[in-house]
Amino acid sequence: MIVDCAVYEDGRRRDGDLALDDAYEAGREAGAFVWIGLHEPSTDEFDSVAREFNLHELAVEDAIKAQQRPKLETYGDSLFMVLKPVRYRDEEEVVELGQIMLFVGEGFIVTVRHGEIGPLDGVRRELESRPELVRCGPAFVLYSVLDRVVDGYLPVVDEIDRDVQQVEAAVFSSTPGQATERIYKLKGEVLDFHRALAPLVDPLLSLAGARHPQIPDELGSYFRDVYDHLLRANEEVDGYREELTSVLQANLAQVSVRQNEDTRRISAWVAIVAVPTAIAGIYGMNFETMPELRWTYGYPMVLGIILAVCISLFVRFKRSGWL
């Protein structure tokens, strides 16, 4: 649906409602531009917006499907950008992704949001409190949305950092648990997060360098600030990917060591138990003539031999670390 449709003139929002059919002409007025916000629009709703502003059919198709990777593309004299806002549910250790598409052209900006993550009503209120920058036109709206999305990455980075540290501490603790499944799951969420922000690095660099005619030179420093925040988040997430890989390898190595220790321990006890089993098996055979069979001290001697051999084996295995 269409969440809002407003005209900004000389840095301030014009009073009154704006019909969609009048939006294009309103944005053509000197010193004015139109911002249309949509949330999960139907095909018919978006087709009407696309016709009003002559949006490119390929960009329109991407906006309706809402399954695009972050990117920045140029279609004629307009820009099309895809962003993925994120939210982290710490209890389940799950990264949730939304999607925001922006169409930026002369005298207009259209934002299309899918999912419940990354509402833009707060961005609109903050923007309307800075009329001196709103005069820069749709490019400042693009900056404001980018700034909100990228700033939303930083708390997620901090929350993932805490979980990575917890996993690392659990793996290297004196009483390690079964951390393999948690590491795999967390590694998958970090990869999803990385796919949301890594593709934005190059597009933001081009915006920060004011390489597009839609971006005024005076906004270059603002885009550079967002680029710096994104670069920091991207480097942190890259570090988590490598750290989780190392932690996973260490955990698997510890599991292998523990399995080897268990195997040695079991083998040692089997060897100890094999001594009385073997002797008892020999003397359990039904032969009438056997050494010491009728000797008075034969029974205690055999028990003494069994005990002595078992104790000897136990001591040797203990010294070698098998027990």
Protein backbone atom coordinates (compact mmCIF):
# COMPACT_ATOMS: atom_id res chain seq x y z
CA MET A 1 0.00 0.00 0.00
CA ILE A 2 1.00 3.65 -0.35
CA VAL A 3 2.15 4.72 3.11
CA ASP A 4 2.78 8.38 2.29
CA CYS A 5 2.89 10.68 -0.70
CA ALA A 6 4.23 14.16 -0.03
CA VAL A 7 5.73 17.18 -1.79
CA TYR A 8 8.76 18.93 -0.29
CA GLU A 9 9.23 22.49 -1.41
CA ASP A 10 12.14 24.70 -0.41
CA GLY A 11 13.14 22.14 2.24
CA ARG A 12 9.72 21.84 3.88
CA ARG A 13 6.77 19.53 3.45
CA ARG A 14 3.85 21.11 1.66
CA ASP A 15 0.59 20.99 3.60
CA GLY A 16 -2.29 18.87 2.41
CA ASP A 17 -2.60 15.51 0.73
CA LEU A 18 -1.15 14.77 -2.67
CA ALA A 19 -2.93 12.53 -5.16
CA LEU A 20 -0.70 10.06 -7.00
CA ASP A 21 -1.88 11.38 -10.36
CA ASP A 22 -0.55 14.83 -9.46
CA ALA A 23 2.76 13.63 -8.01
CA TYR A 24 4.88 13.81 -11.15
CA GLU A 25 3.84 17.37 -12.01
CA ALA A 26 4.35 18.48 -8.40
CA GLY A 27 7.91 17.18 -8.48
CA ARG A 28 8.66 19.16 -11.65
CA GLU A 29 8.09 22.49 -9.90
CA ALA A 30 11.16 24.56 -9.12
CA GLY A 31 12.71 23.74 -5.75
CA ALA A 32 10.33 20.84 -5.13
CA PHE A 33 10.42 17.05 -5.12
CA VAL A 34 8.06 14.21 -4.29
CA TRP A 35 8.65 11.35 -1.87
CA ILE A 36 6.32 8.37 -2.22
CA GLY A 37 6.62 5.57 0.33
CA LEU A 38 5.13 2.13 -0.29
CA HIS A 39 4.97 -0.98 1.86
CA GLU A 40 4.56 -4.30 0.08
CA PRO A 41 2.51 -2.74 -2.74
CA SER A 42 0.30 -4.83 -4.98
CA THR A 43 1.16 -5.12 -8.65
CA ASP A 44 -1.59 -2.69 -9.62
CA GLU A 45 -0.50 -0.11 -7.03
CA PHE A 46 3.08 -0.24 -8.14
CA ASP A 47 2.21 -0.19 -11.84
CA SER A 48 0.43 3.11 -11.30
CA VAL A 49 3.54 4.55 -9.61
CA ALA A 50 5.79 3.15 -12.34
CA ARG A 51 3.68 4.76 -15.07
CA GLU A 52 3.54 8.08 -13.23
CA PHE A 53 7.34 8.37 -13.01
CA ASN A 54 8.29 6.29 -16.05
CA LEU A 55 10.32 3.80 -14.02
CA HIS A 56 12.36 1.24 -15.93
CA GLU A 57 10.57 -2.09 -16.34
CA LEU A 58 13.57 -4.15 -15.11
CA ALA A 59 13.81 -2.13 -11.91
CA VAL A 60 10.05 -2.42 -11.45
CA GLU A 61 10.27 -6.20 -11.81
CA ASP A 62 13.00 -6.31 -9.16
CA ALA A 63 10.96 -4.16 -6.80
CA ILE A 64 7.89 -6.39 -7.06
CA LYS A 65 9.75 -9.67 -6.60
CA ALA A 66 11.64 -8.34 -3.55
CA GLN A 67 14.29 -11.07 -3.72
CA GLN A 68 17.27 -9.01 -4.82
CA ARG A 69 20.80 -8.69 -3.53
CA PRO A 70 21.93 -5.20 -2.43
CA LYS A 71 22.99 -3.18 -5.46
CA LEU A 72 23.01 0.20 -7.20
CA GLU A 73 22.01 0.50 -10.84
CA THR A 74 21.53 3.40 -13.23
CA TYR A 75 18.58 3.49 -15.63
CA GLY A 76 18.77 6.57 -17.81
CA ASP A 77 18.66 9.61 -15.55
CA SER A 78 17.47 7.72 -12.44
CA LEU A 79 19.07 5.48 -9.82
CA PHE A 80 17.74 2.21 -8.48
CA MET A 81 19.13 0.95 -5.18
CA VAL A 82 18.38 -2.16 -3.12
CA LEU A 83 19.11 -2.31 0.61
CA LYS A 84 18.67 -5.07 3.17
CA PRO A 85 17.93 -3.83 6.70
CA VAL A 86 18.62 -6.43 9.39
CA ARG A 87 17.41 -7.33 12.86
CA TYR A 88 19.00 -9.85 15.22
CA ARG A 89 16.94 -12.06 17.51
CA ASP A 90 19.52 -12.84 20.16
CA GLU A 91 17.49 -15.55 21.92
CA GLU A 92 17.32 -17.69 18.75
CA GLU A 93 20.58 -16.29 17.29
CA VAL A 94 18.81 -15.52 14.01
CA VAL A 95 19.48 -12.65 11.59
CA GLU A 96 16.22 -11.40 10.04
CA LEU A 97 16.42 -9.57 6.72
CA GLY A 98 14.08 -7.05 5.16
CA GLN A 99 14.32 -5.24 1.85
CA ILE A 100 14.07 -1.62 0.78
CA MET A 101 14.16 -0.45 -2.84
CA LEU A 102 14.69 3.18 -3.81
CA PHE A 103 14.04 4.88 -7.12
CA VAL A 104 15.77 8.27 -7.30
CA GLY A 105 15.20 10.62 -10.20
CA GLU A 106 14.84 14.29 -10.97
CA GLY A 107 12.18 15.65 -8.66
CA PHE A 108 11.15 12.36 -7.06
CA ILE A 109 12.13 9.45 -4.84
CA VAL A 110 10.08 6.28 -4.44
CA THR A 111 10.82 3.93 -1.54
CA VAL A 112 9.41 0.39 -1.55
CA ARG A 113 9.71 -1.63 1.66
CA HIS A 114 9.09 -5.36 2.07
CA GLY A 115 8.84 -7.04 5.46
CA GLU A 116 8.49 -5.52 8.92
CA ILE A 117 12.16 -4.64 9.33
CA GLY A 118 13.42 -1.11 8.69
CA PRO A 119 10.35 1.16 8.96
CA LEU A 120 10.98 4.56 7.40
CA ASP A 121 8.50 6.75 9.29
CA GLY A 122 11.25 7.79 11.70
CA VAL A 123 13.50 8.70 8.78
CA ARG A 124 10.80 10.95 7.38
CA ARG A 125 10.37 12.77 10.71
CA GLU A 126 14.12 13.30 11.11
CA LEU A 127 14.41 14.49 7.54
CA GLU A 128 11.62 17.03 7.96
CA SER A 129 13.49 18.52 10.94
CA ARG A 130 16.47 19.47 8.70
CA PRO A 131 15.04 21.70 5.94
CA GLU A 132 18.47 23.11 5.05
CA LEU A 133 19.51 19.66 3.83
CA VAL A 134 16.14 18.64 2.43
CA ARG A 135 16.74 21.43 -0.11
CA CYS A 136 19.35 19.10 -1.63
CA GLY A 137 16.43 17.11 -2.99
CA PRO A 138 15.84 13.36 -3.30
CA ALA A 139 19.55 12.65 -2.77
CA PHE A 140 19.24 13.65 0.88
CA VAL A 141 16.35 11.22 1.33
CA LEU A 142 18.55 8.52 -0.19
CA TYR A 143 21.31 9.43 2.28
CA SER A 144 18.89 9.40 5.23
CA VAL A 145 17.56 5.93 4.38
CA LEU A 146 21.09 4.60 3.83
CA ASP A 147 22.23 6.10 7.12
CA ARG A 148 19.34 4.48 9.01
CA VAL A 149 19.94 1.05 7.43
CA VAL A 150 23.72 1.07 7.95
CA ASP A 151 23.39 2.36 11.52
CA GLY A 152 21.07 -0.60 12.11
CA TYR A 153 23.93 -2.94 11.18
CA LEU A 154 26.16 -1.81 14.05
CA PRO A 155 24.01 -3.12 16.98
CA VAL A 156 23.70 -6.44 15.13
CA VAL A 157 27.51 -6.55 14.83
CA ASP A 158 27.81 -6.03 18.60
CA GLU A 159 25.25 -8.74 19.40
CA ILE A 160 26.92 -11.25 17.09
CA ASP A 161 30.26 -10.37 18.68
CA ARG A 162 28.89 -11.35 22.10
CA ASP A 163 27.62 -14.67 20.77
CA VAL A 164 30.91 -15.42 19.02
CA GLN A 165 32.81 -14.74 22.25
CA GLN A 166 30.43 -17.01 24.16
CA VAL A 167 30.95 -19.83 21.66
CA GLU A 168 34.71 -19.39 21.76
CA ALA A 169 34.73 -19.45 25.57
CA ALA A 170 32.57 -22.60 25.59
CA VAL A 171 34.87 -24.42 23.17
CA PHE A 172 38.02 -23.65 25.15
CA SER A 173 36.52 -24.08 28.62
CA SER A 174 37.64 -26.85 30.98
CA THR A 175 34.27 -28.56 30.55
CA PRO A 176 33.47 -28.17 26.83
CA GLY A 177 29.96 -28.99 25.71
CA GLN A 178 28.45 -29.89 22.39
CA ALA A 179 29.09 -26.56 20.62
CA THR A 180 29.38 -27.81 17.03
CA GLU A 181 25.73 -27.29 16.13
CA ARG A 182 25.67 -23.80 17.61
CA ILE A 183 28.84 -22.83 15.75
CA TYR A 184 27.42 -24.04 12.43
CA LYS A 185 24.17 -22.15 13.01
CA LEU A 186 25.92 -18.95 14.04
CA LYS A 187 28.27 -19.19 11.08
CA GLY A 188 25.26 -19.45 8.74
CA GLU A 189 23.66 -16.34 10.26
CA VAL A 190 26.93 -14.42 9.93
CA LEU A 191 27.08 -15.41 6.24
CA ASP A 192 23.52 -14.13 5.73
CA PHE A 193 24.49 -10.86 7.40
CA HIS A 194 27.60 -10.62 5.23
CA ARG A 195 25.47 -11.03 2.08
CA ALA A 196 23.34 -8.09 3.24
CA LEU A 197 26.14 -5.58 3.69
CA ALA A 198 29.19 -6.65 1.62
CA PRO A 199 27.59 -5.89 -1.80
CA LEU A 200 26.89 -2.32 -0.61
CA VAL A 201 30.56 -1.38 -0.23
CA ASP A 202 31.23 -0.51 -3.88
CA PRO A 203 27.88 1.27 -4.48
CA LEU A 204 28.38 3.42 -1.40
CA LEU A 205 31.91 4.24 -2.48
CA SER A 206 30.59 5.52 -5.81
CA LEU A 207 27.94 7.59 -4.02
CA ALA A 208 30.54 8.98 -1.61
CA GLY A 209 32.63 10.02 -4.61
CA ALA A 210 29.65 11.88 -6.12
CA ARG A 211 30.04 9.90 -9.34
CA HIS A 212 26.35 10.22 -10.12
CA PRO A 213 24.68 13.41 -11.36
CA GLN A 214 21.78 12.77 -8.98
CA ILE A 215 24.11 13.31 -5.98
CA PRO A 216 25.03 16.95 -5.23
CA ASP A 217 28.65 17.62 -4.30
CA GLU A 218 27.67 19.03 -0.90
CA LEU A 219 26.29 15.61 0.13
CA GLY A 220 29.52 13.76 -0.66
CA SER A 221 30.80 14.03 2.92
CA TYR A 222 27.51 12.61 4.27
CA PHE A 223 27.73 9.57 2.03
CA ARG A 224 31.39 9.13 2.99
CA ASP A 225 30.36 8.99 6.64
CA VAL A 226 27.87 6.20 5.87
CA TYR A 227 30.54 4.45 3.81
CA ASP A 228 32.95 4.51 6.76
CA HIS A 229 30.32 2.95 9.05
CA LEU A 230 29.54 0.28 6.47
CA LEU A 231 33.21 -0.51 5.97
CA ARG A 232 33.69 -0.96 9.70
CA ALA A 233 30.70 -3.31 9.94
CA ASN A 234 31.85 -5.29 6.90
CA GLU A 235 35.36 -5.73 8.32
CA GLU A 236 33.93 -6.86 11.66
CA VAL A 237 31.68 -9.44 10.00
CA ASP A 238 34.57 -10.71 7.85
CA GLY A 239 36.54 -11.17 11.05
CA TYR A 240 33.68 -13.13 12.64
CA ARG A 241 33.53 -15.46 9.64
CA GLU A 242 37.22 -16.28 9.97
CA GLU A 243 37.00 -16.54 13.76
CA LEU A 244 34.05 -18.93 13.62
CA THR A 245 35.90 -21.07 11.07
CA SER A 246 38.88 -21.27 13.43
CA VAL A 247 36.65 -22.01 16.42
CA LEU A 248 34.86 -24.74 14.47
CA GLN A 249 38.17 -26.35 13.52
CA ALA A 250 39.36 -26.14 17.13
CA ASN A 251 36.11 -27.66 18.35
CA LEU A 252 36.35 -30.53 15.86
CA ALA A 253 39.98 -31.09 16.88
CA GLN A 254 38.94 -31.22 20.54
CA VAL A 255 36.16 -33.68 19.72
CA SER A 256 38.68 -35.87 17.90
CA VAL A 257 41.10 -35.68 20.83
CA ARG A 258 38.35 -36.59 23.29
CA GLN A 259 37.32 -39.51 21.11
CA ASN A 260 40.93 -40.71 20.99
CA GLU A 261 41.19 -40.38 24.76
CA ASP A 262 37.99 -42.36 25.21
CA THR A 263 39.28 -45.03 22.81
CA ARG A 264 42.57 -45.32 24.72
CA ARG A 265 40.74 -45.49 28.05
CA ILE A 266 38.42 -48.22 26.82
CA SER A 267 41.35 -50.14 25.29
CA ALA A 268 43.27 -49.95 28.58
CA TRP A 269 40.37 -51.34 30.60
CA VAL A 270 39.82 -54.07 28.01
CA ALA A 271 43.48 -55.09 28.33
CA ILE A 272 43.22 -55.19 32.13
CA VAL A 273 40.01 -57.21 32.09
CA ALA A 274 41.47 -59.58 29.46
CA VAL A 275 44.04 -60.95 32.00
CA PRO A 276 41.58 -62.55 34.47
CA THR A 277 39.34 -63.53 31.55
CA ALA A 278 42.16 -65.40 29.84
CA ILE A 279 43.35 -67.17 32.98
CA ALA A 280 39.81 -68.08 34.01
CA GLY A 281 39.20 -69.38 30.50
CA ILE A 282 42.26 -71.63 30.66
CA TYR A 283 41.38 -73.11 34.03
CA GLY A 284 37.78 -73.46 33.03
CA MET A 285 38.65 -76.11 30.46
CA ASN A 286 37.57 -79.68 31.36
CA PHE A 287 40.99 -81.37 31.57
CA GLU A 288 41.88 -83.70 34.42
CA THR A 289 45.63 -83.06 34.24
CA MET A 290 46.56 -79.39 34.54
CA PRO A 291 49.47 -77.68 36.39
CA GLU A 292 48.68 -76.92 40.05
CA LEU A 293 45.12 -78.19 39.58
CA ARG A 294 45.19 -80.22 42.79
CA TRP A 295 47.77 -78.08 44.59
CA THR A 296 46.58 -76.65 47.91
CA TYR A 297 47.89 -73.16 47.15
CA GLY A 298 47.01 -73.16 43.46
CA TYR A 299 43.83 -71.11 43.81
CA PRO A 300 45.31 -68.24 45.87
CA MET A 301 48.38 -68.24 43.63
CA VAL A 302 46.28 -67.76 40.50
CA LEU A 303 44.32 -64.97 42.20
CA GLY A 304 47.59 -63.34 43.24
CA ILE A 305 48.96 -63.54 39.71
CA ILE A 306 45.75 -62.03 38.28
CA LEU A 307 45.81 -59.21 40.84
CA ALA A 308 49.53 -58.51 40.31
CA VAL A 309 49.24 -58.38 36.51
CA CYS A 310 46.12 -56.19 36.62
CA ILE A 311 47.71 -53.74 39.06
CA SER A 312 50.86 -53.63 36.94
CA LEU A 313 48.87 -52.89 33.80
CA PHE A 314 46.79 -50.25 35.60
CA VAL A 315 49.94 -48.45 36.82
CA ARG A 316 51.54 -48.50 33.37
CA PHE A 317 48.40 -47.24 31.65
CA LYS A 318 48.01 -44.53 34.29
CA ARG A 319 51.57 -43.32 33.78
CA SER A 320 51.17 -43.26 30.00
CA GLY A 321 47.98 -41.19 30.26
CA TRP A 322 45.61 -43.83 28.99
CA LEU A 323 43.69 -43.89 32.26
